[in-house]
Amino acid sequence: MKNSIEIKNLTKEYKELKAVDNLSLEVHEGEILGLLGPNGSGKSTTINCILSLLNFTKGSIKILNKEMNPNAYDIKKEIGVVFQEVAVFEELNVYDNIDYFCGLYIKNKKTRKQYIEDALSLVGLENYKKFYPKQLSGGLLRRLNIACGVAHKPKIIFLDEPTVAVDPQSRNNILDGIEKLRENGATIIYTTHYMEEVEIICDRVIILDKGKIIASGTTDELKLLAEIEEKVTVEVIDLGEKYIEEIKQMKHVDQVTYHNNNLLITYKKGKNNLLTLMDYLKLKKIKYNKIYSERPTLNDVFLYLTGKELRD
């Protein structure tokens, strides 16, 4: 499998702080790589080093098998970047905004016109060509931001929180567009605080903390790291401490928490855990409203590995 990006022993120091600590990773051609980490994990610093927006202390970065540096314009034209902050021109309409950013790389007018139409179709803005940014909703504005960043059909795309604070329709449209970009051969580095998006679209996930990679793999592979076989949630009012302690002693139970009338039980292994619990509740005549079982999520993995919620 070819690599679009190769990073070896990357280190970025700020006086006493190592923002990135001897980090090595590869991003495969045509994959969507989820890059996750809590605040201060070194995620943004790593991306800025890859893009040569920051000088780094030591290490090497290759993009498309070439050494990356601030003057590597032949490489930079193959990269598309969509930052979390929307960056478009208020005085230009949708079409002209895309035309401007695409024109930085594509000089042929006929080719550029087709690229602009492709970008409009990709993000579902065909009917908004003449609209100005101030006339667009937050979700449509983010779609425009993406179109501006990818209109020149780059081989590598960095997407930083592209769906933050958007409506469900725009989120689905954006996720569909990202899938299409990958289908067209793009390699995508995706950062987000929405774990459900990572599970939907990412082929592989890397979790950073304190400038180091602490986990890497597919979502299924990462879930094994949490050492949780099953989670059971029960909505039960005024559950006494006596019952909580008895549940803690049940077979295969790892942890038990009770908060806001929600009983959460995690199991490390075992079968029929839910059935056993329901038999216990019936025996003790404990009434409950809802009960359901689920497999561990990426958020469970993240919390297990870093001690933090991703959305902290």
C-alpha atoms as a PDB file:
ATOM      1  CA  MET A   1       0.000   0.000   0.000  1.00  0.00           C
ATOM      2  CA  LYS A   2       1.407   3.391  -1.012  1.00  0.00           C
ATOM      3  CA  ASN A   3       1.754   6.158   1.543  1.00  0.00           C
ATOM      4  CA  SER A   4       0.593   9.701   0.888  1.00  0.00           C
ATOM      5  CA  ILE A   5       2.266  10.997   4.056  1.00  0.00           C
ATOM      6  CA  GLU A   6       5.257   9.610   5.980  1.00  0.00           C
ATOM      7  CA  ILE A   7       6.335  11.157   9.275  1.00  0.00           C
ATOM      8  CA  LYS A   8       9.399   9.938  11.153  1.00  0.00           C
ATOM      9  CA  ASN A   9      10.483  10.953  14.653  1.00  0.00           C
ATOM     10  CA  LEU A  10       8.705  14.313  14.508  1.00  0.00           C
ATOM     11  CA  THR A  11       9.421  16.499  17.520  1.00  0.00           C
ATOM     12  CA  LYS A  12       8.265  20.041  18.192  1.00  0.00           C
ATOM     13  CA  GLU A  13       9.485  21.758  21.360  1.00  0.00           C
ATOM     14  CA  TYR A  14       8.476  25.016  22.979  1.00  0.00           C
ATOM     15  CA  LYS A  15      11.094  25.695  25.662  1.00  0.00           C
ATOM     16  CA  GLU A  16      10.215  23.134  28.336  1.00  0.00           C
ATOM     17  CA  LEU A  17       7.198  21.706  26.496  1.00  0.00           C
ATOM     18  CA  LYS A  18       7.281  18.936  23.916  1.00  0.00           C
ATOM     19  CA  ALA A  19       4.112  19.580  21.928  1.00  0.00           C
ATOM     20  CA  VAL A  20       4.976  16.669  19.624  1.00  0.00           C
ATOM     21  CA  ASP A  21       7.218  13.937  21.022  1.00  0.00           C
ATOM     22  CA  ASN A  22       9.131  11.717  18.570  1.00  0.00           C
ATOM     23  CA  LEU A  23       6.004  10.948  16.559  1.00  0.00           C
ATOM     24  CA  SER A  24       6.043   8.604  13.570  1.00  0.00           C
ATOM     25  CA  LEU A  25       3.059   7.736  11.401  1.00  0.00           C
ATOM     26  CA  GLU A  26       2.013   6.899   7.879  1.00  0.00           C
ATOM     27  CA  VAL A  27      -1.142   7.906   6.059  1.00  0.00           C
ATOM     28  CA  HIS A  28      -2.070   5.468   3.318  1.00  0.00           C
ATOM     29  CA  GLU A  29      -3.109   6.571  -0.136  1.00  0.00           C
ATOM     30  CA  GLY A  30      -6.893   6.750  -0.501  1.00  0.00           C
ATOM     31  CA  GLU A  31      -7.776   6.281   3.182  1.00  0.00           C
ATOM     32  CA  ILE A  32      -9.681   8.448   5.608  1.00  0.00           C
ATOM     33  CA  LEU A  33      -7.567   8.727   8.742  1.00  0.00           C
ATOM     34  CA  GLY A  34      -9.232   9.981  11.914  1.00  0.00           C
ATOM     35  CA  LEU A  35      -6.782  12.013  13.996  1.00  0.00           C
ATOM     36  CA  LEU A  36      -8.171  12.383  17.525  1.00  0.00           C
ATOM     37  CA  GLY A  37      -6.905  13.835  20.742  1.00  0.00           C
ATOM     38  CA  PRO A  38      -7.988  15.919  23.746  1.00  0.00           C
ATOM     39  CA  ASN A  39      -7.162  19.603  23.935  1.00  0.00           C
ATOM     40  CA  GLY A  40      -3.390  20.032  24.162  1.00  0.00           C
ATOM     41  CA  SER A  41      -2.654  16.595  22.720  1.00  0.00           C
ATOM     42  CA  GLY A  42      -0.441  17.969  19.929  1.00  0.00           C
ATOM     43  CA  LYS A  43      -2.961  17.321  17.179  1.00  0.00           C
ATOM     44  CA  SER A  44      -3.015  20.853  15.746  1.00  0.00           C
ATOM     45  CA  THR A  45       0.748  21.215  16.114  1.00  0.00           C
ATOM     46  CA  THR A  46       1.288  17.976  14.189  1.00  0.00           C
ATOM     47  CA  ILE A  47      -0.965  19.129  11.348  1.00  0.00           C
ATOM     48  CA  ASN A  48       0.724  22.538  11.192  1.00  0.00           C
ATOM     49  CA  CYS A  49       4.127  20.857  11.002  1.00  0.00           C
ATOM     50  CA  ILE A  50       2.927  18.580   8.189  1.00  0.00           C
ATOM     51  CA  LEU A  51       1.719  21.646   6.280  1.00  0.00           C
ATOM     52  CA  SER A  52       5.015  23.479   6.945  1.00  0.00           C
ATOM     53  CA  LEU A  53       3.162  26.200   8.798  1.00  0.00           C
ATOM     54  CA  LEU A  54       5.447  25.525  11.770  1.00  0.00           C
ATOM     55  CA  ASN A  55       9.141  24.740  11.964  1.00  0.00           C
ATOM     56  CA  PHE A  56       9.792  21.580  13.943  1.00  0.00           C
ATOM     57  CA  THR A  57      12.708  20.663  16.181  1.00  0.00           C
ATOM     58  CA  LYS A  58      13.654  17.402  14.503  1.00  0.00           C
ATOM     59  CA  GLY A  59      12.299  14.587  12.357  1.00  0.00           C
ATOM     60  CA  SER A  60      11.247  14.316   8.726  1.00  0.00           C
ATOM     61  CA  ILE A  61       8.012  14.689   6.772  1.00  0.00           C
ATOM     62  CA  LYS A  62       7.421  13.285   3.299  1.00  0.00           C
ATOM     63  CA  ILE A  63       4.310  14.023   1.266  1.00  0.00           C
ATOM     64  CA  LEU A  64       3.717  12.128  -1.963  1.00  0.00           C
ATOM     65  CA  ASN A  65       7.214  10.697  -1.530  1.00  0.00           C
ATOM     66  CA  LYS A  66       8.848  14.149  -1.458  1.00  0.00           C
ATOM     67  CA  GLU A  67      10.397  16.041   1.442  1.00  0.00           C
ATOM     68  CA  MET A  68       7.960  18.686   2.666  1.00  0.00           C
ATOM     69  CA  ASN A  69       9.231  22.221   3.346  1.00  0.00           C
ATOM     70  CA  PRO A  70       7.829  25.791   3.289  1.00  0.00           C
ATOM     71  CA  ASN A  71       8.910  26.268  -0.343  1.00  0.00           C
ATOM     72  CA  ALA A  72       7.598  22.946  -1.685  1.00  0.00           C
ATOM     73  CA  TYR A  73       4.910  24.566  -3.825  1.00  0.00           C
ATOM     74  CA  ASP A  74       4.682  21.541  -6.123  1.00  0.00           C
ATOM     75  CA  ILE A  75       3.530  19.539  -3.094  1.00  0.00           C
ATOM     76  CA  LYS A  76       1.322  22.249  -1.611  1.00  0.00           C
ATOM     77  CA  LYS A  77      -0.808  22.484  -4.758  1.00  0.00           C
ATOM     78  CA  GLU A  78      -1.753  18.832  -4.189  1.00  0.00           C
ATOM     79  CA  ILE A  79      -3.059  19.612  -0.673  1.00  0.00           C
ATOM     80  CA  GLY A  80      -6.448  20.963   0.335  1.00  0.00           C
ATOM     81  CA  VAL A  81      -7.053  22.369   3.816  1.00  0.00           C
ATOM     82  CA  VAL A  82     -10.414  23.126   5.423  1.00  0.00           C
ATOM     83  CA  PHE A  83      -9.885  24.711   8.828  1.00  0.00           C
ATOM     84  CA  GLN A  84     -12.574  24.875  11.497  1.00  0.00           C
ATOM     85  CA  GLU A  85     -12.852  28.645  11.157  1.00  0.00           C
ATOM     86  CA  VAL A  86     -14.797  29.557   8.033  1.00  0.00           C
ATOM     87  CA  ALA A  87     -12.550  31.551   5.662  1.00  0.00           C
ATOM     88  CA  VAL A  88     -14.439  32.976   2.686  1.00  0.00           C
ATOM     89  CA  PHE A  89     -14.831  36.449   1.177  1.00  0.00           C
ATOM     90  CA  GLU A  90     -18.013  38.209   2.275  1.00  0.00           C
ATOM     91  CA  GLU A  91     -17.983  40.445  -0.816  1.00  0.00           C
ATOM     92  CA  LEU A  92     -17.961  37.465  -3.226  1.00  0.00           C
ATOM     93  CA  ASN A  93     -20.906  35.177  -3.949  1.00  0.00           C
ATOM     94  CA  VAL A  94     -20.713  31.396  -3.638  1.00  0.00           C
ATOM     95  CA  TYR A  95     -19.560  30.797  -7.217  1.00  0.00           C
ATOM     96  CA  ASP A  96     -16.946  33.547  -7.164  1.00  0.00           C
ATOM     97  CA  ASN A  97     -15.579  32.414  -3.797  1.00  0.00           C
ATOM     98  CA  ILE A  98     -14.960  28.933  -5.142  1.00  0.00           C
ATOM     99  CA  ASP A  99     -13.594  30.407  -8.373  1.00  0.00           C
ATOM    100  CA  TYR A 100     -11.082  32.508  -6.431  1.00  0.00           C
ATOM    101  CA  PHE A 101      -9.692  29.647  -4.333  1.00  0.00           C
ATOM    102  CA  CYS A 102      -9.698  27.203  -7.222  1.00  0.00           C
ATOM    103  CA  GLY A 103      -7.952  29.810  -9.385  1.00  0.00           C
ATOM    104  CA  LEU A 104      -4.972  29.809  -7.025  1.00  0.00           C
ATOM    105  CA  TYR A 105      -4.093  26.401  -8.486  1.00  0.00           C
ATOM    106  CA  ILE A 106      -6.063  25.946 -11.728  1.00  0.00           C
ATOM    107  CA  LYS A 107      -5.288  28.590 -14.332  1.00  0.00           C
ATOM    108  CA  ASN A 108      -7.107  27.072 -17.305  1.00  0.00           C
ATOM    109  CA  LYS A 109     -10.547  28.743 -17.328  1.00  0.00           C
ATOM    110  CA  LYS A 110     -12.378  25.845 -18.967  1.00  0.00           C
ATOM    111  CA  THR A 111     -10.929  23.325 -16.540  1.00  0.00           C
ATOM    112  CA  ARG A 112     -11.580  25.634 -13.591  1.00  0.00           C
ATOM    113  CA  LYS A 113     -15.214  26.118 -14.586  1.00  0.00           C
ATOM    114  CA  GLN A 114     -15.752  22.352 -14.555  1.00  0.00           C
ATOM    115  CA  TYR A 115     -13.942  22.026 -11.215  1.00  0.00           C
ATOM    116  CA  ILE A 116     -16.186  24.705  -9.716  1.00  0.00           C
ATOM    117  CA  GLU A 117     -19.312  22.897 -10.917  1.00  0.00           C
ATOM    118  CA  ASP A 118     -17.960  19.658  -9.461  1.00  0.00           C
ATOM    119  CA  ALA A 119     -17.322  21.357  -6.102  1.00  0.00           C
ATOM    120  CA  LEU A 120     -20.813  22.868  -6.036  1.00  0.00           C
ATOM    121  CA  SER A 121     -22.301  19.446  -6.724  1.00  0.00           C
ATOM    122  CA  LEU A 122     -20.094  17.794  -4.117  1.00  0.00           C
ATOM    123  CA  VAL A 123     -21.426  19.983  -1.284  1.00  0.00           C
ATOM    124  CA  GLY A 124     -24.949  20.481  -2.639  1.00  0.00           C
ATOM    125  CA  LEU A 125     -24.753  24.211  -3.370  1.00  0.00           C
ATOM    126  CA  GLU A 126     -25.848  24.139  -7.020  1.00  0.00           C
ATOM    127  CA  ASN A 127     -28.875  26.298  -6.218  1.00  0.00           C
ATOM    128  CA  TYR A 128     -26.900  28.885  -4.220  1.00  0.00           C
ATOM    129  CA  LYS A 129     -24.346  30.082  -6.786  1.00  0.00           C
ATOM    130  CA  LYS A 130     -25.388  33.738  -6.579  1.00  0.00           C
ATOM    131  CA  PHE A 131     -25.874  33.821  -2.814  1.00  0.00           C
ATOM    132  CA  TYR A 132     -23.460  35.791  -0.652  1.00  0.00           C
ATOM    133  CA  PRO A 133     -22.034  34.292   2.577  1.00  0.00           C
ATOM    134  CA  LYS A 134     -24.228  36.492   4.784  1.00  0.00           C
ATOM    135  CA  GLN A 135     -27.289  34.979   3.097  1.00  0.00           C
ATOM    136  CA  LEU A 136     -26.290  31.412   3.944  1.00  0.00           C
ATOM    137  CA  SER A 137     -27.162  29.405   7.054  1.00  0.00           C
ATOM    138  CA  GLY A 138     -24.344  28.091   9.211  1.00  0.00           C
ATOM    139  CA  GLY A 139     -24.543  24.674   7.574  1.00  0.00           C
ATOM    140  CA  LEU A 140     -24.493  26.070   4.026  1.00  0.00           C
ATOM    141  CA  LEU A 141     -21.586  28.342   4.946  1.00  0.00           C
ATOM    142  CA  ARG A 142     -19.566  25.353   6.106  1.00  0.00           C
ATOM    143  CA  ARG A 143     -20.359  23.574   2.866  1.00  0.00           C
ATOM    144  CA  LEU A 144     -19.018  26.589   0.983  1.00  0.00           C
ATOM    145  CA  ASN A 145     -15.893  26.534   3.138  1.00  0.00           C
ATOM    146  CA  ILE A 146     -15.296  22.901   2.160  1.00  0.00           C
ATOM    147  CA  ALA A 147     -15.933  23.581  -1.522  1.00  0.00           C
ATOM    148  CA  CYS A 148     -13.328  26.363  -1.493  1.00  0.00           C
ATOM    149  CA  GLY A 149     -10.763  24.065   0.088  1.00  0.00           C
ATOM    150  CA  VAL A 150     -11.205  21.102  -2.262  1.00  0.00           C
ATOM    151  CA  ALA A 151     -12.285  22.652  -5.585  1.00  0.00           C
ATOM    152  CA  HIS A 152      -8.807  22.235  -7.115  1.00  0.00           C
ATOM    153  CA  LYS A 153      -9.129  18.441  -6.625  1.00  0.00           C
ATOM    154  CA  PRO A 154      -6.169  17.945  -4.262  1.00  0.00           C
ATOM    155  CA  LYS A 155      -4.720  14.501  -3.639  1.00  0.00           C
ATOM    156  CA  ILE A 156      -4.530  15.080   0.133  1.00  0.00           C
ATOM    157  CA  ILE A 157      -7.206  16.874   2.172  1.00  0.00           C
ATOM    158  CA  PHE A 158      -7.114  18.037   5.798  1.00  0.00           C
ATOM    159  CA  LEU A 159     -10.567  18.503   7.327  1.00  0.00           C
ATOM    160  CA  ASP A 160     -10.683  20.117  10.769  1.00  0.00           C
ATOM    161  CA  GLU A 161     -14.087  19.844  12.479  1.00  0.00           C
ATOM    162  CA  PRO A 162     -16.015  20.309   9.204  1.00  0.00           C
ATOM    163  CA  THR A 163     -19.413  19.540  10.768  1.00  0.00           C
ATOM    164  CA  VAL A 164     -19.196  21.546  13.974  1.00  0.00           C
ATOM    165  CA  ALA A 165     -22.457  23.374  14.825  1.00  0.00           C
ATOM    166  CA  VAL A 166     -24.282  22.424  11.625  1.00  0.00           C
ATOM    167  CA  ASP A 167     -27.798  21.123  11.086  1.00  0.00           C
ATOM    168  CA  PRO A 168     -28.369  17.364  10.524  1.00  0.00           C
ATOM    169  CA  GLN A 169     -29.046  17.828   6.797  1.00  0.00           C
ATOM    170  CA  SER A 170     -25.770  19.688   6.265  1.00  0.00           C
ATOM    171  CA  ARG A 171     -23.895  17.144   8.378  1.00  0.00           C
ATOM    172  CA  ASN A 172     -25.174  14.268   6.264  1.00  0.00           C
ATOM    173  CA  ASN A 173     -24.377  16.202   3.091  1.00  0.00           C
ATOM    174  CA  ILE A 174     -20.826  16.905   4.279  1.00  0.00           C
ATOM    175  CA  LEU A 175     -20.201  13.292   5.297  1.00  0.00           C
ATOM    176  CA  ASP A 176     -21.517  12.063   1.948  1.00  0.00           C
ATOM    177  CA  GLY A 177     -19.219  14.538   0.215  1.00  0.00           C
ATOM    178  CA  ILE A 178     -16.218  13.258   2.167  1.00  0.00           C
ATOM    179  CA  GLU A 179     -17.010   9.708   1.093  1.00  0.00           C
ATOM    180  CA  LYS A 180     -17.162  10.886  -2.532  1.00  0.00           C
ATOM    181  CA  LEU A 181     -13.779  12.595  -2.194  1.00  0.00           C
ATOM    182  CA  ARG A 182     -12.266   9.320  -1.025  1.00  0.00           C
ATOM    183  CA  GLU A 183     -14.003   7.424  -3.856  1.00  0.00           C
ATOM    184  CA  ASN A 184     -12.357   9.853  -6.253  1.00  0.00           C
ATOM    185  CA  GLY A 185      -8.940   8.930  -4.878  1.00  0.00           C
ATOM    186  CA  ALA A 186      -8.279  11.595  -2.244  1.00  0.00           C
ATOM    187  CA  THR A 187      -6.444  10.840   0.988  1.00  0.00           C
ATOM    188  CA  ILE A 188      -8.194  12.526   3.929  1.00  0.00           C
ATOM    189  CA  ILE A 189      -6.969  13.437   7.414  1.00  0.00           C
ATOM    190  CA  TYR A 190     -10.062  14.045   9.512  1.00  0.00           C
ATOM    191  CA  THR A 191     -10.268  15.662  12.938  1.00  0.00           C
ATOM    192  CA  THR A 192     -13.510  15.888  14.875  1.00  0.00           C
ATOM    193  CA  HIS A 193     -15.078  15.734  18.335  1.00  0.00           C
ATOM    194  CA  TYR A 194     -17.963  13.635  17.051  1.00  0.00           C
ATOM    195  CA  MET A 195     -17.098   9.984  17.613  1.00  0.00           C
ATOM    196  CA  GLU A 196     -20.089   8.760  15.651  1.00  0.00           C
ATOM    197  CA  GLU A 197     -18.667  10.427  12.540  1.00  0.00           C
ATOM    198  CA  VAL A 198     -15.347   8.685  13.050  1.00  0.00           C
ATOM    199  CA  GLU A 199     -17.086   5.326  13.225  1.00  0.00           C
ATOM    200  CA  ILE A 200     -19.035   6.072  10.040  1.00  0.00           C
ATOM    201  CA  ILE A 201     -16.320   7.310   7.708  1.00  0.00           C
ATOM    202  CA  CYS A 202     -12.803   6.623   9.026  1.00  0.00           C
ATOM    203  CA  ASP A 203     -10.836   3.624   7.797  1.00  0.00           C
ATOM    204  CA  ARG A 204      -8.295   3.988  10.587  1.00  0.00           C
ATOM    205  CA  VAL A 205      -7.967   6.064  13.743  1.00  0.00           C
ATOM    206  CA  ILE A 206      -4.964   7.477  15.583  1.00  0.00           C
ATOM    207  CA  ILE A 207      -5.345   8.838  19.117  1.00  0.00           C
ATOM    208  CA  LEU A 208      -2.800  11.377  20.331  1.00  0.00           C
ATOM    209  CA  ASP A 209      -2.122  12.453  23.889  1.00  0.00           C
ATOM    210  CA  LYS A 210       0.743  14.601  25.163  1.00  0.00           C
ATOM    211  CA  GLY A 211       2.324  14.647  21.725  1.00  0.00           C
ATOM    212  CA  LYS A 212       2.473  10.866  21.346  1.00  0.00           C
ATOM    213  CA  ILE A 213       0.414   8.216  19.604  1.00  0.00           C
ATOM    214  CA  ILE A 214      -1.237   6.156  22.330  1.00  0.00           C
ATOM    215  CA  ALA A 215      -3.442   4.029  20.059  1.00  0.00           C
ATOM    216  CA  SER A 216      -3.837   3.253  16.377  1.00  0.00           C
ATOM    217  CA  GLY A 217      -6.097   0.943  14.406  1.00  0.00           C
ATOM    218  CA  THR A 218      -9.564   0.440  13.011  1.00  0.00           C
ATOM    219  CA  THR A 219     -12.508   1.362  15.222  1.00  0.00           C
ATOM    220  CA  ASP A 220     -13.101  -2.317  15.996  1.00  0.00           C
ATOM    221  CA  GLU A 221      -9.456  -2.822  16.930  1.00  0.00           C
ATOM    222  CA  LEU A 222      -9.485   0.218  19.207  1.00  0.00           C
ATOM    223  CA  LYS A 223     -12.627  -0.910  20.998  1.00  0.00           C
ATOM    224  CA  LEU A 224     -10.778  -3.995  22.188  1.00  0.00           C
ATOM    225  CA  LEU A 225      -8.382  -1.719  24.075  1.00  0.00           C
ATOM    226  CA  ALA A 226     -11.098  -0.468  26.414  1.00  0.00           C
ATOM    227  CA  GLU A 227     -11.351  -3.937  27.984  1.00  0.00           C
ATOM    228  CA  ILE A 228     -15.135  -3.579  28.086  1.00  0.00           C
ATOM    229  CA  GLU A 229     -17.267  -6.376  26.706  1.00  0.00           C
ATOM    230  CA  GLU A 230     -20.668  -4.807  27.303  1.00  0.00           C
ATOM    231  CA  LYS A 231     -22.396  -1.765  28.796  1.00  0.00           C
ATOM    232  CA  VAL A 232     -25.879  -1.966  30.292  1.00  0.00           C
ATOM    233  CA  THR A 233     -27.926   1.110  31.159  1.00  0.00           C
ATOM    234  CA  VAL A 234     -31.027   0.954  33.347  1.00  0.00           C
ATOM    235  CA  GLU A 235     -33.405   3.837  34.058  1.00  0.00           C
ATOM    236  CA  VAL A 236     -34.510   3.204  37.623  1.00  0.00           C
ATOM    237  CA  ILE A 237     -35.774   5.673  40.228  1.00  0.00           C
ATOM    238  CA  ASP A 238     -34.385   5.825  43.767  1.00  0.00           C
ATOM    239  CA  LEU A 239     -32.210   2.733  43.632  1.00  0.00           C
ATOM    240  CA  GLY A 240     -30.941   2.034  47.125  1.00  0.00           C
ATOM    241  CA  GLU A 241     -27.240   1.738  47.975  1.00  0.00           C
ATOM    242  CA  LYS A 242     -27.792  -1.841  49.131  1.00  0.00           C
ATOM    243  CA  TYR A 243     -28.845  -2.921  45.641  1.00  0.00           C
ATOM    244  CA  ILE A 244     -25.979  -1.049  44.001  1.00  0.00           C
ATOM    245  CA  GLU A 245     -23.493  -2.888  46.191  1.00  0.00           C
ATOM    246  CA  GLU A 246     -25.109  -6.237  45.385  1.00  0.00           C
ATOM    247  CA  ILE A 247     -24.929  -5.522  41.659  1.00  0.00           C
ATOM    248  CA  LYS A 248     -21.230  -4.683  42.035  1.00  0.00           C
ATOM    249  CA  GLN A 249     -20.658  -8.202  43.352  1.00  0.00           C
ATOM    250  CA  MET A 250     -22.345  -9.892  40.397  1.00  0.00           C
ATOM    251  CA  LYS A 251     -20.296 -12.039  38.043  1.00  0.00           C
ATOM    252  CA  HIS A 252     -18.315 -10.241  35.282  1.00  0.00           C
ATOM    253  CA  VAL A 253     -19.249  -6.755  36.548  1.00  0.00           C
ATOM    254  CA  ASP A 254     -16.407  -4.274  36.222  1.00  0.00           C
ATOM    255  CA  GLN A 255     -17.856  -0.917  37.248  1.00  0.00           C
ATOM    256  CA  VAL A 256     -21.215   0.378  38.487  1.00  0.00           C
ATOM    257  CA  THR A 257     -22.319   4.009  38.580  1.00  0.00           C
ATOM    258  CA  TYR A 258     -25.690   5.500  39.480  1.00  0.00           C
ATOM    259  CA  HIS A 259     -26.450   9.104  38.539  1.00  0.00           C
ATOM    260  CA  ASN A 260     -29.654  10.987  37.734  1.00  0.00           C
ATOM    261  CA  ASN A 261     -31.695   7.775  38.028  1.00  0.00           C
ATOM    262  CA  ASN A 262     -29.471   6.029  35.435  1.00  0.00           C
ATOM    263  CA  LEU A 263     -27.674   2.871  36.465  1.00  0.00           C
ATOM    264  CA  LEU A 264     -24.650   2.152  34.232  1.00  0.00           C
ATOM    265  CA  ILE A 265     -22.942  -1.214  34.489  1.00  0.00           C
ATOM    266  CA  THR A 266     -19.851  -2.214  32.514  1.00  0.00           C
ATOM    267  CA  TYR A 267     -18.843  -5.835  32.068  1.00  0.00           C
ATOM    268  CA  LYS A 268     -15.382  -7.035  31.121  1.00  0.00           C
ATOM    269  CA  LYS A 269     -16.531 -10.381  29.787  1.00  0.00           C
ATOM    270  CA  GLY A 270     -19.276 -12.961  29.938  1.00  0.00           C
ATOM    271  CA  LYS A 271     -22.532 -13.859  28.203  1.00  0.00           C
ATOM    272  CA  ASN A 272     -26.151 -13.301  29.214  1.00  0.00           C
ATOM    273  CA  ASN A 273     -25.180 -10.370  31.439  1.00  0.00           C
ATOM    274  CA  LEU A 274     -28.358  -8.495  30.573  1.00  0.00           C
ATOM    275  CA  LEU A 275     -30.561 -11.506  31.290  1.00  0.00           C
ATOM    276  CA  THR A 276     -28.863 -12.085  34.634  1.00  0.00           C
ATOM    277  CA  LEU A 277     -29.397  -8.465  35.612  1.00  0.00           C
ATOM    278  CA  MET A 278     -33.074  -8.544  34.604  1.00  0.00           C
ATOM    279  CA  ASP A 279     -33.593 -11.697  36.693  1.00  0.00           C
ATOM    280  CA  TYR A 280     -32.004  -9.915  39.663  1.00  0.00           C
ATOM    281  CA  LEU A 281     -34.233  -6.828  39.259  1.00  0.00           C
ATOM    282  CA  LYS A 282     -37.309  -9.048  39.012  1.00  0.00           C
ATOM    283  CA  LEU A 283     -36.279 -11.029  42.090  1.00  0.00           C
ATOM    284  CA  LYS A 284     -35.773  -7.842  44.115  1.00  0.00           C
ATOM    285  CA  LYS A 285     -39.017  -6.338  42.712  1.00  0.00           C
ATOM    286  CA  ILE A 286     -37.110  -3.293  41.434  1.00  0.00           C
ATOM    287  CA  LYS A 287     -39.164  -1.408  38.873  1.00  0.00           C
ATOM    288  CA  TYR A 288     -37.363   0.177  35.930  1.00  0.00           C
ATOM    289  CA  ASN A 289     -38.463   2.190  32.894  1.00  0.00           C
ATOM    290  CA  LYS A 290     -35.825   1.395  30.299  1.00  0.00           C
ATOM    291  CA  ILE A 291     -32.996  -1.077  30.007  1.00  0.00           C
ATOM    292  CA  TYR A 292     -30.628  -1.594  27.108  1.00  0.00           C
ATOM    293  CA  SER A 293     -27.276  -3.117  26.283  1.00  0.00           C
ATOM    294  CA  GLU A 294     -24.579  -1.792  23.950  1.00  0.00           C
ATOM    295  CA  ARG A 295     -21.066  -2.573  22.883  1.00  0.00           C
ATOM    296  CA  PRO A 296     -18.248  -0.205  23.907  1.00  0.00           C
ATOM    297  CA  THR A 297     -17.973   2.976  21.859  1.00  0.00           C
ATOM    298  CA  LEU A 298     -14.952   4.938  20.670  1.00  0.00           C
ATOM    299  CA  ASN A 299     -15.699   7.437  23.407  1.00  0.00           C
ATOM    300  CA  ASP A 300     -15.268   4.630  25.958  1.00  0.00           C
ATOM    301  CA  VAL A 301     -11.898   3.843  24.393  1.00  0.00           C
ATOM    302  CA  PHE A 302     -10.896   7.490  24.476  1.00  0.00           C
ATOM    303  CA  LEU A 303     -11.892   7.857  28.114  1.00  0.00           C
ATOM    304  CA  TYR A 304     -10.104   4.614  29.034  1.00  0.00           C
ATOM    305  CA  LEU A 305      -6.844   5.651  27.322  1.00  0.00           C
ATOM    306  CA  THR A 306      -6.697   9.368  28.143  1.00  0.00           C
ATOM    307  CA  GLY A 307      -8.906   9.752  31.199  1.00  0.00           C
ATOM    308  CA  LYS A 308     -10.788  12.480  29.341  1.00  0.00           C
ATOM    309  CA  GLU A 309     -13.904  12.873  27.283  1.00  0.00           C
ATOM    310  CA  LEU A 310     -13.115  13.873  23.706  1.00  0.00           C
ATOM    311  CA  ARG A 311     -15.534  16.783  23.971  1.00  0.00           C
ATOM    312  CA  ASP A 312     -13.881  18.148  27.148  1.00  0.00           C
END
